[in-house]
Amino acid sequence: MANIKQQKKRIKRAEKQRETNTRYRSTIKTLFKGLEAAEGDDAATRARDLEKLVDRAASRGALHANTAARKKSRVQRILAGKSS
């Protein structure tokens, strides 16, 4: 355990950041499952929401930019598979 006051603050801040990042990643995984099960217009709406969340997570640093791009590409592949 840290003895320095600033380090104690940093530990608390890191824990909050870790929880936030985990929440983003978990929600994205859940939305992917919902997207794969969705049909028609519902799938398009879910895809749009999922892409927004991925962009938000990347801008906040919860996801690396390349990871976000890969996930958005996966969303488009899933949508293309549903339309054909």
Protein backbone atom coordinates (compact mmCIF):
# COMPACT_ATOMS: atom_id res chain seq x y z
CA MET A 1 0.00 0.00 0.00
CA ALA A 2 1.21 3.46 -0.85
CA ASN A 3 2.35 5.80 1.91
CA ILE A 4 2.37 8.96 -0.20
CA LYS A 5 -0.90 10.91 -0.31
CA GLN A 6 -0.70 11.63 -4.06
CA GLN A 7 -0.06 7.97 -4.82
CA LYS A 8 -3.14 6.99 -2.79
CA LYS A 9 -5.19 9.41 -4.91
CA ARG A 10 -3.67 7.94 -8.07
CA ILE A 11 -4.64 4.41 -6.97
CA LYS A 12 -8.26 5.52 -6.47
CA ARG A 13 -8.32 7.26 -9.85
CA ALA A 14 -6.83 4.21 -11.60
CA GLU A 15 -9.50 1.99 -10.04
CA LYS A 16 -12.29 4.26 -11.32
CA GLN A 17 -10.72 4.32 -14.79
CA ARG A 18 -10.41 0.53 -14.79
CA GLU A 19 -14.10 0.16 -13.86
CA THR A 20 -15.13 2.60 -16.61
CA ASN A 21 -13.00 0.84 -19.22
CA THR A 22 -14.37 -2.55 -18.18
CA ARG A 23 -17.92 -1.21 -18.42
CA TYR A 24 -17.30 0.01 -21.98
CA ARG A 25 -15.72 -3.27 -23.10
CA SER A 26 -18.43 -5.38 -21.48
CA THR A 27 -21.25 -3.30 -22.97
CA ILE A 28 -19.69 -3.53 -26.43
CA LYS A 29 -19.52 -7.32 -26.18
CA THR A 30 -23.16 -7.46 -25.07
CA LEU A 31 -24.29 -5.21 -27.92
CA PHE A 32 -22.45 -7.42 -30.44
CA LYS A 33 -24.44 -10.41 -29.23
CA GLY A 34 -27.65 -8.42 -29.58
CA LEU A 35 -26.65 -7.28 -33.07
CA GLU A 36 -26.03 -10.84 -34.23
CA ALA A 37 -29.51 -11.84 -33.02
CA ALA A 38 -31.29 -8.77 -34.45
CA GLU A 39 -33.23 -8.66 -37.72
CA GLY A 40 -34.11 -5.92 -40.24
CA ASP A 41 -34.39 -2.30 -39.14
CA ASP A 42 -33.66 -3.32 -35.57
CA ALA A 43 -30.22 -4.53 -36.68
CA ALA A 44 -29.45 -1.20 -38.37
CA THR A 45 -30.43 0.73 -35.24
CA ARG A 46 -28.36 -1.53 -33.02
CA ALA A 47 -25.39 -1.21 -35.37
CA ARG A 48 -25.57 2.59 -35.24
CA ASP A 49 -25.72 2.56 -31.42
CA LEU A 50 -22.84 0.09 -31.25
CA GLU A 51 -20.64 2.19 -33.55
CA LYS A 52 -21.35 5.29 -31.45
CA LEU A 53 -20.35 3.45 -28.31
CA VAL A 54 -17.16 2.11 -29.90
CA ASP A 55 -16.21 5.63 -31.04
CA ARG A 56 -16.90 7.03 -27.58
CA ALA A 57 -14.82 4.31 -25.92
CA ALA A 58 -11.93 4.98 -28.30
CA SER A 59 -12.05 8.73 -27.74
CA ARG A 60 -12.00 8.22 -23.96
CA GLY A 61 -9.06 5.80 -24.22
CA ALA A 62 -10.95 2.68 -23.14
CA LEU A 63 -10.17 1.13 -26.54
CA HIS A 64 -7.15 1.54 -28.79
CA ALA A 65 -7.93 3.27 -32.09
CA ASN A 66 -7.08 0.18 -34.15
CA THR A 67 -9.27 -2.00 -31.92
CA ALA A 68 -12.16 0.43 -32.40
CA ALA A 69 -11.67 0.35 -36.18
CA ARG A 70 -11.63 -3.46 -36.13
CA LYS A 71 -14.85 -3.59 -34.10
CA LYS A 72 -16.59 -1.10 -36.41
CA SER A 73 -15.50 -3.19 -39.38
CA ARG A 74 -16.97 -6.25 -37.69
CA VAL A 75 -20.27 -4.40 -37.26
CA GLN A 76 -20.37 -3.69 -41.00
CA ARG A 77 -19.57 -7.33 -41.85
CA ILE A 78 -22.42 -8.51 -39.62
CA LEU A 79 -24.84 -6.05 -41.27
CA ALA A 80 -23.70 -7.09 -44.76
CA GLY A 81 -24.32 -10.73 -43.85
CA LYS A 82 -27.84 -9.94 -42.72
CA SER A 83 -28.76 -8.07 -45.90
CA SER A 84 -27.73 -10.89 -48.23
